[in-house]
Amino acid sequence: MTTTMTDTYFASPQRSSDEIIQRDRKIIENNPTIIQLLEGFPDLALILNENRQLVAFNSKAVDYIPENLRPCVYGMRPGEAIDCIHSHEMPAGCGTSQFCVECGAVKAIVRTIDKKESAIEECRITRKMNGIEESLDLRVHTSVINIDEKAFTLFSIKDIAAEKRRHAFERIFFHDILNTAGALDGLISLLPDSEGEELVDLETTLPKISTQLINEIIAQRQLLSAETGSLVPEISTLSLNKILNESGVLYTGHEVAKRKTIFVNSVESDIEFKSDKTLLIRSIGNLIKNALEASKPGDGVRVSADFSPKEIFIHVWNSTVMPQNVQLQMFQRSFSTKVSSGHGIGTYSVKLLVEQYLKGKISFVSDEESKTTFTITLQR
């Protein structure tokens, strides 16, 4: 079979026939030792054929497979079986979309099939369960397993969501809190030797820094509540221009804004709409902070908005262009572009708050012509 870029962006699009799938199933079902092996895994375990299709699975896998897919799960690929949001973007399914290029699960499976060796990869998968997007953080193990002289791939996962969530939240929380607390401590240390205008400046700045410290603690509490589904939005009538202006000053004076400028372009004719003020400003603020972190000294970040009769569009622009691999993983919870101190959860939290609690949408474009713009779309 000749593969072209229209068939796949990564793994082979070729599939086995239903007849071959049924034959492979019987090979495994007639081997009690293999069935016992599968059931010995604490999490999902699958056996895949040479075309990455599922021919056997353990009882733990049922927890990951949506109920409507269980009757027809044989012959599916892993992403299709657990309903990954990218598994249906190409005609050949799981493993063939642009997003699959960065998928640890597909990388591990392909390595085992092609090189006949074991592989371990971390994998971030987003899927929809009951209409709600759910982020999975998994550690994937693959190895060759020979059954009746035929090579299959043993595919198992370990759910590392709790580990990843804790590490991500701790990294962000302690990084931001220590930065703000350090700034507060530094200013307080200047008080005994300050007088005149310098003292007035400190008296003005100190409340802002302490408020920022409190806001960062509240933000983490909100995100934890959002993750567990216990966050309750407080809907009120808002002014679009006031939201833009309050969001724009959120990081003015912050370390990430040093030698950078935030431009807020108000709409000519202000409008009112209903939303949760705190969650919306927090979401826009996260986009602004990300834009500032991506910008160089002397650069500017633009905050603007426009609207149609039914929708409001809030934009955050910066002059950098994101690499393709970053764009493909942008809204995944544990993905970080910052290897050393990074945050990596800012855009994930925006997506979580905007789409699940504000009933809106988050999108972005990033290319040489437009540079990078994130857009929050809300209903009027």
Protein backbone atom coordinates (compact mmCIF):
# COMPACT_ATOMS: atom_id res chain seq x y z
CA MET A 1 0.00 0.00 0.00
CA THR A 2 1.37 3.40 -0.92
CA THR A 3 1.07 5.95 1.92
CA THR A 4 0.72 9.64 1.11
CA MET A 5 0.45 12.66 3.38
CA THR A 6 -3.30 12.63 2.75
CA ASP A 7 -3.46 9.12 4.30
CA THR A 8 -1.41 9.79 7.41
CA TYR A 9 0.84 12.29 9.17
CA PHE A 10 2.57 9.63 11.24
CA ALA A 11 1.74 5.91 11.59
CA SER A 12 0.58 3.50 8.90
CA PRO A 13 -3.11 3.89 7.94
CA GLN A 14 -3.43 0.23 6.91
CA ARG A 15 -6.01 -1.91 8.72
CA SER A 16 -6.71 -5.63 8.96
CA SER A 17 -10.00 -7.03 7.71
CA ASP A 18 -12.78 -8.10 10.07
CA GLU A 19 -12.00 -11.70 9.16
CA ILE A 20 -8.38 -11.36 10.29
CA ILE A 21 -9.45 -9.57 13.49
CA GLN A 22 -11.77 -12.46 14.35
CA ARG A 23 -9.04 -15.00 13.63
CA ASP A 24 -6.59 -13.15 15.90
CA ARG A 25 -9.23 -12.99 18.66
CA LYS A 26 -9.64 -16.76 18.58
CA ILE A 27 -5.88 -17.28 18.82
CA ILE A 28 -5.86 -15.34 22.08
CA GLU A 29 -9.16 -16.60 23.50
CA ASN A 30 -7.93 -20.18 23.09
CA ASN A 31 -4.87 -19.44 25.23
CA PRO A 32 -5.82 -19.32 28.96
CA THR A 33 -2.32 -18.23 29.98
CA ILE A 34 -2.59 -15.03 27.91
CA ILE A 35 -6.03 -14.27 29.37
CA GLN A 36 -4.63 -14.67 32.89
CA LEU A 37 -1.68 -12.44 31.95
CA LEU A 38 -4.01 -9.67 30.80
CA GLU A 39 -6.07 -9.85 33.97
CA GLY A 40 -2.91 -9.51 36.05
CA PHE A 41 -2.43 -5.89 35.00
CA PRO A 42 -3.73 -3.28 37.50
CA ASP A 43 -4.86 -0.91 34.72
CA LEU A 44 -5.93 -1.14 31.10
CA ALA A 45 -4.10 -3.78 29.08
CA LEU A 46 -4.68 -4.54 25.40
CA ILE A 47 -3.25 -6.86 22.79
CA LEU A 48 -2.84 -5.25 19.38
CA ASN A 49 -2.16 -6.78 15.98
CA GLU A 50 0.43 -5.63 13.45
CA ASN A 51 -1.86 -2.77 12.36
CA ARG A 52 -2.31 -1.43 15.92
CA GLN A 53 -5.84 -2.85 16.17
CA LEU A 54 -7.32 -4.23 19.35
CA VAL A 55 -7.86 -8.01 19.42
CA ALA A 56 -8.02 -8.58 23.20
CA PHE A 57 -8.38 -6.56 26.40
CA ASN A 58 -8.70 -7.09 30.14
CA SER A 59 -11.61 -6.26 32.44
CA LYS A 60 -9.87 -3.08 33.68
CA ALA A 61 -10.04 -1.69 30.13
CA VAL A 62 -13.83 -1.52 30.36
CA ASP A 63 -13.48 1.47 32.72
CA TYR A 64 -11.76 3.42 29.93
CA ILE A 65 -14.00 2.40 27.02
CA PRO A 66 -17.22 4.42 26.64
CA GLU A 67 -20.31 2.23 26.93
CA ASN A 68 -21.52 2.98 23.39
CA LEU A 69 -18.19 1.77 21.91
CA ARG A 70 -17.90 -1.54 23.80
CA PRO A 71 -19.99 -3.67 21.38
CA CYS A 72 -17.77 -2.73 18.44
CA VAL A 73 -14.40 -2.23 20.15
CA TYR A 74 -12.57 -5.16 18.45
CA GLY A 75 -10.61 -3.86 15.48
CA MET A 76 -10.37 -0.35 16.92
CA ARG A 77 -7.07 1.28 17.74
CA PRO A 78 -6.37 2.41 21.33
CA GLY A 79 -7.26 6.08 20.75
CA GLU A 80 -10.51 5.10 19.06
CA ALA A 81 -11.41 2.68 21.86
CA ILE A 82 -11.11 5.34 24.56
CA ASP A 83 -12.54 8.05 22.25
CA CYS A 84 -9.55 10.41 21.96
CA ILE A 85 -10.77 13.68 20.42
CA HIS A 86 -8.19 13.38 17.62
CA SER A 87 -8.87 9.74 16.72
CA HIS A 88 -11.51 10.58 14.09
CA GLU A 89 -9.79 13.51 12.38
CA MET A 90 -8.32 11.36 9.59
CA PRO A 91 -10.08 8.62 7.58
CA ALA A 92 -7.60 6.01 8.86
CA GLY A 93 -8.21 6.98 12.49
CA CYS A 94 -5.94 6.74 15.52
CA GLY A 95 -2.25 7.32 14.84
CA THR A 96 -2.63 9.19 11.55
CA SER A 97 -3.54 12.81 12.46
CA GLN A 98 -1.14 15.72 12.94
CA PHE A 99 -1.69 15.50 16.69
CA CYS A 100 -0.63 11.85 16.70
CA VAL A 101 2.93 12.91 15.81
CA GLU A 102 3.35 13.96 19.46
CA CYS A 103 1.37 11.08 21.01
CA GLY A 104 3.46 8.89 23.29
CA ALA A 105 1.07 5.94 22.92
CA VAL A 106 1.42 5.80 19.13
CA LYS A 107 5.20 6.32 19.34
CA ALA A 108 5.54 3.37 21.72
CA ILE A 109 3.32 1.06 19.65
CA VAL A 110 5.10 1.89 16.38
CA ARG A 111 8.50 1.35 17.97
CA THR A 112 7.48 -2.08 19.26
CA ILE A 113 5.94 -3.14 15.94
CA ASP A 114 8.80 -1.86 13.79
CA LYS A 115 11.81 -2.63 15.99
CA LYS A 116 10.46 -5.58 18.00
CA GLU A 117 11.51 -3.96 21.26
CA SER A 118 9.81 -2.76 24.42
CA ALA A 119 9.01 0.92 24.85
CA ILE A 120 7.86 3.25 27.64
CA GLU A 121 6.35 6.66 26.88
CA GLU A 122 4.24 9.23 28.68
CA CYS A 123 1.01 10.10 26.93
CA ARG A 124 -1.51 12.92 27.28
CA ILE A 125 -4.94 12.15 25.83
CA THR A 126 -8.02 14.34 25.76
CA ARG A 127 -11.34 12.62 25.24
CA LYS A 128 -15.02 13.37 25.67
CA MET A 129 -17.05 11.51 28.29
CA ASN A 130 -20.74 12.39 28.48
CA GLY A 131 -20.07 15.51 26.43
CA ILE A 132 -17.36 16.81 28.79
CA GLU A 133 -13.69 16.89 27.85
CA GLU A 134 -11.47 14.84 30.16
CA SER A 135 -7.66 14.93 30.26
CA LEU A 136 -5.80 11.66 30.79
CA ASP A 137 -2.14 11.49 31.82
CA LEU A 138 -0.80 8.01 31.18
CA ARG A 139 2.46 6.08 31.23
CA VAL A 140 2.39 3.61 28.34
CA HIS A 141 4.30 0.31 28.21
CA THR A 142 4.51 -1.75 25.01
CA SER A 143 6.30 -5.02 24.30
CA VAL A 144 6.24 -7.87 21.80
CA ILE A 145 4.24 -10.94 22.79
CA ASN A 146 4.37 -14.04 20.57
CA ILE A 147 1.23 -16.19 20.55
CA ASP A 148 1.07 -19.31 18.36
CA GLU A 149 4.11 -18.07 16.42
CA LYS A 150 2.48 -14.72 15.62
CA ALA A 151 3.83 -11.42 16.97
CA PHE A 152 1.38 -9.14 18.75
CA THR A 153 1.90 -5.97 20.81
CA LEU A 154 1.09 -6.00 24.50
CA PHE A 155 -0.08 -2.49 25.38
CA SER A 156 -0.62 -1.43 28.99
CA ILE A 157 -1.03 1.88 30.78
CA LYS A 158 -0.60 3.32 34.24
CA ASP A 159 -2.78 6.26 35.19
CA ILE A 160 -0.40 8.99 36.38
CA ALA A 161 -2.96 11.82 36.42
CA ALA A 162 -2.76 12.35 40.18
CA GLU A 163 1.04 12.44 40.05
CA LYS A 164 1.08 14.86 37.11
CA ARG A 165 -1.64 17.07 38.56
CA ARG A 166 0.12 17.33 41.91
CA HIS A 167 3.48 18.13 40.31
CA ALA A 168 1.96 20.69 37.94
CA PHE A 169 -0.03 22.46 40.64
CA GLU A 170 2.85 22.44 43.12
CA ARG A 171 5.27 23.79 40.51
CA ILE A 172 2.96 26.64 39.56
CA PHE A 173 1.78 27.42 43.07
CA PHE A 174 5.19 27.52 44.73
CA HIS A 175 6.84 29.30 41.78
CA ASP A 176 4.26 32.11 41.70
CA ILE A 177 3.80 32.39 45.45
CA LEU A 178 7.54 32.52 46.12
CA ASN A 179 8.04 35.17 43.42
CA THR A 180 5.28 37.38 44.80
CA ALA A 181 6.20 36.78 48.44
CA GLY A 182 9.84 37.57 47.59
CA ALA A 183 8.82 40.85 45.98
CA LEU A 184 6.69 41.70 49.03
CA ASP A 185 9.53 40.85 51.41
CA GLY A 186 11.95 42.99 49.40
CA LEU A 187 9.66 46.01 49.53
CA ILE A 188 9.00 45.61 53.26
CA SER A 189 12.76 45.55 53.90
CA LEU A 190 13.00 49.02 52.31
CA LEU A 191 10.44 50.60 54.65
CA PRO A 192 12.76 51.48 57.60
CA ASP A 193 15.10 53.51 55.37
CA SER A 194 12.43 55.12 53.16
CA GLU A 195 11.00 58.60 53.36
CA GLY A 196 9.30 61.21 51.21
CA GLU A 197 8.26 60.14 47.71
CA GLU A 198 9.98 56.78 48.05
CA LEU A 199 7.84 55.99 51.11
CA VAL A 200 4.69 57.11 49.27
CA ASP A 201 5.57 54.81 46.36
CA LEU A 202 6.03 51.88 48.74
CA GLU A 203 2.74 52.60 50.49
CA THR A 204 1.05 52.48 47.08
CA THR A 205 2.85 49.38 45.81
CA LEU A 206 2.67 47.17 48.91
CA PRO A 207 -1.14 46.75 48.89
CA LYS A 208 -0.99 45.81 45.19
CA ILE A 209 1.61 43.11 45.84
CA SER A 210 -0.29 41.70 48.82
CA THR A 211 -3.50 41.65 46.76
CA GLN A 212 -1.66 39.81 43.99
CA LEU A 213 -0.45 37.23 46.53
CA ILE A 214 -4.02 36.64 47.71
CA ASN A 215 -5.29 36.44 44.12
CA GLU A 216 -2.73 33.78 43.23
CA ILE A 217 -3.80 31.65 46.20
CA ILE A 218 -7.47 32.09 45.19
CA ALA A 219 -6.62 31.17 41.59
CA GLN A 220 -5.13 27.84 42.67
CA ARG A 221 -8.15 27.09 44.83
CA GLN A 222 -10.45 27.88 41.88
CA LEU A 223 -8.50 25.59 39.57
CA LEU A 224 -8.62 22.69 42.02
CA SER A 225 -12.38 23.22 42.42
CA ALA A 226 -12.81 23.35 38.63
CA GLU A 227 -10.92 20.07 38.23
CA THR A 228 -13.15 18.29 40.75
CA GLY A 229 -16.35 19.77 39.30
CA SER A 230 -17.25 21.62 42.51
CA LEU A 231 -16.75 25.15 41.17
CA VAL A 232 -19.97 27.16 40.95
CA PRO A 233 -19.85 30.21 38.61
CA GLU A 234 -21.27 33.50 39.90
CA ILE A 235 -22.99 35.02 36.89
CA SER A 236 -23.55 38.79 36.76
CA THR A 237 -23.91 41.56 34.20
CA LEU A 238 -20.52 42.81 33.02
CA SER A 239 -19.13 45.65 30.93
CA LEU A 240 -16.84 44.44 28.14
CA ASN A 241 -14.50 47.46 28.38
CA LYS A 242 -14.22 47.14 32.16
CA ILE A 243 -13.31 43.47 31.82
CA LEU A 244 -10.61 44.32 29.25
CA ASN A 245 -9.15 47.09 31.43
CA GLU A 246 -9.18 45.05 34.65
CA SER A 247 -7.55 42.13 32.87
CA GLY A 248 -4.94 44.42 31.33
CA VAL A 249 -3.72 45.78 34.67
CA LEU A 250 -3.64 42.35 36.34
CA TYR A 251 0.04 41.78 35.46
CA THR A 252 1.19 45.39 35.19
CA GLY A 253 4.16 45.62 37.53
CA HIS A 254 4.57 41.83 37.64
CA GLU A 255 8.03 40.37 37.01
CA VAL A 256 6.88 38.83 33.70
CA ALA A 257 5.94 42.31 32.41
CA LYS A 258 9.36 43.84 33.08
CA ARG A 259 10.45 45.90 30.04
CA LYS A 260 7.30 44.83 28.17
CA THR A 261 4.08 46.71 27.50
CA ILE A 262 0.45 45.65 27.75
CA PHE A 263 -1.82 47.55 25.34
CA VAL A 264 -5.57 47.42 25.99
CA ASN A 265 -7.79 48.39 23.03
CA SER A 266 -11.29 49.11 24.30
CA VAL A 267 -14.29 48.65 22.01
CA GLU A 268 -15.71 51.88 20.61
CA SER A 269 -19.25 51.21 21.82
CA ASP A 270 -19.20 49.31 25.10
CA ILE A 271 -21.65 46.44 25.56
CA GLU A 272 -22.93 44.42 28.50
CA PHE A 273 -23.06 40.65 28.79
CA LYS A 274 -23.47 38.00 31.48
CA SER A 275 -20.60 35.89 32.80
CA ASP A 276 -18.54 35.15 35.92
CA LYS A 277 -16.28 38.17 36.38
CA THR A 278 -13.60 36.45 38.48
CA LEU A 279 -13.25 33.40 36.24
CA LEU A 280 -13.24 35.47 33.05
CA ILE A 281 -10.60 37.93 34.28
CA ARG A 282 -8.54 35.02 35.57
CA SER A 283 -8.72 33.34 32.14
CA ILE A 284 -7.80 36.49 30.21
CA GLY A 285 -5.04 37.17 32.74
CA ASN A 286 -3.56 33.72 32.16
CA LEU A 287 -3.44 34.39 28.42
CA ILE A 288 -1.79 37.76 29.04
CA LYS A 289 0.78 36.19 31.36
CA ASN A 290 1.59 33.47 28.81
CA ALA A 291 1.95 36.13 26.10
CA LEU A 292 4.29 38.16 28.31
CA GLU A 293 6.40 35.09 29.09
CA ALA A 294 6.70 34.35 25.37
CA SER A 295 7.66 37.94 24.52
CA LYS A 296 11.08 39.55 24.48
CA PRO A 297 12.08 42.78 26.29
CA GLY A 298 10.69 45.72 24.35
CA ASP A 299 7.78 43.70 22.93
CA GLY A 300 4.12 44.51 23.46
CA VAL A 301 1.09 42.35 24.23
CA ARG A 302 -2.29 43.51 22.88
CA VAL A 303 -5.65 42.85 24.53
CA SER A 304 -8.68 43.64 22.39
CA ALA A 305 -12.24 42.57 21.65
CA ASP A 306 -14.99 42.63 19.06
CA PHE A 307 -18.48 41.22 18.90
CA SER A 308 -21.32 40.05 16.72
CA PRO A 309 -25.05 40.07 17.51
CA LYS A 310 -24.70 36.72 19.30
CA GLU A 311 -21.04 36.41 20.39
CA ILE A 312 -18.17 38.28 22.05
CA PHE A 313 -14.55 37.71 21.01
CA ILE A 314 -11.72 38.61 23.41
CA HIS A 315 -8.23 38.49 21.88
CA VAL A 316 -4.73 38.38 23.40
CA TRP A 317 -1.93 38.90 20.85
CA ASN A 318 1.85 38.70 21.00
CA SER A 319 4.53 38.90 18.31
CA THR A 320 6.05 35.42 18.68
CA VAL A 321 5.19 32.27 16.71
CA MET A 322 4.81 28.96 18.53
CA PRO A 323 6.62 25.86 17.19
CA GLN A 324 4.32 23.28 15.61
CA ASN A 325 4.88 20.68 18.33
CA VAL A 326 3.83 23.25 20.95
CA GLN A 327 0.67 24.11 19.03
CA LEU A 328 -0.34 20.46 18.79
CA GLN A 329 -0.20 20.02 22.59
CA MET A 330 -1.34 23.48 23.65
CA PHE A 331 -4.34 22.69 25.85
CA GLN A 332 -3.05 19.51 27.51
CA ARG A 333 -2.79 19.73 31.27
CA SER A 334 0.76 18.52 31.93
CA PHE A 335 2.38 19.82 28.76
CA SER A 336 4.92 22.59 29.39
CA THR A 337 6.97 24.67 26.98
CA LYS A 338 9.25 25.78 29.81
CA VAL A 339 11.69 23.01 30.68
CA SER A 340 13.27 24.56 33.76
CA SER A 341 10.73 26.50 35.79
CA GLY A 342 7.72 26.24 33.48
CA HIS A 343 4.07 26.49 34.13
CA GLY A 344 2.47 24.47 31.35
CA ILE A 345 -1.00 24.58 32.85
CA GLY A 346 -2.07 28.14 32.00
CA THR A 347 -3.83 27.41 28.71
CA TYR A 348 -5.25 24.17 30.11
CA SER A 349 -6.85 26.10 32.97
CA VAL A 350 -8.24 28.68 30.52
CA LYS A 351 -9.82 25.93 28.45
CA LEU A 352 -11.22 24.25 31.57
CA LEU A 353 -12.74 27.46 32.96
CA VAL A 354 -13.96 28.95 29.68
CA GLU A 355 -15.43 25.84 28.08
CA GLN A 356 -16.81 23.99 31.10
CA TYR A 357 -17.84 26.87 33.35
CA LEU A 358 -18.33 29.95 31.16
CA LYS A 359 -19.89 27.96 28.28
CA GLY A 360 -17.51 29.54 25.78
CA LYS A 361 -14.66 28.46 23.49
CA ILE A 362 -10.91 29.04 23.43
CA SER A 363 -8.93 28.97 20.19
CA PHE A 364 -5.68 30.30 18.76
CA VAL A 365 -3.78 31.02 15.56
CA SER A 366 0.00 31.15 15.40
CA ASP A 367 1.87 31.73 12.15
CA GLU A 368 4.39 34.10 10.59
CA GLU A 369 1.70 36.31 9.09
CA SER A 370 -0.57 36.75 12.13
CA LYS A 371 1.92 35.93 14.93
CA THR A 372 0.04 34.46 17.94
CA THR A 373 -3.51 35.33 18.98
CA PHE A 374 -5.60 33.51 21.56
CA THR A 375 -9.33 34.14 21.39
CA ILE A 376 -12.01 33.57 24.02
CA THR A 377 -15.48 33.35 22.46
CA LEU A 378 -18.50 33.90 24.72
CA GLN A 379 -22.24 34.06 24.12
CA ARG A 380 -23.81 37.49 24.51
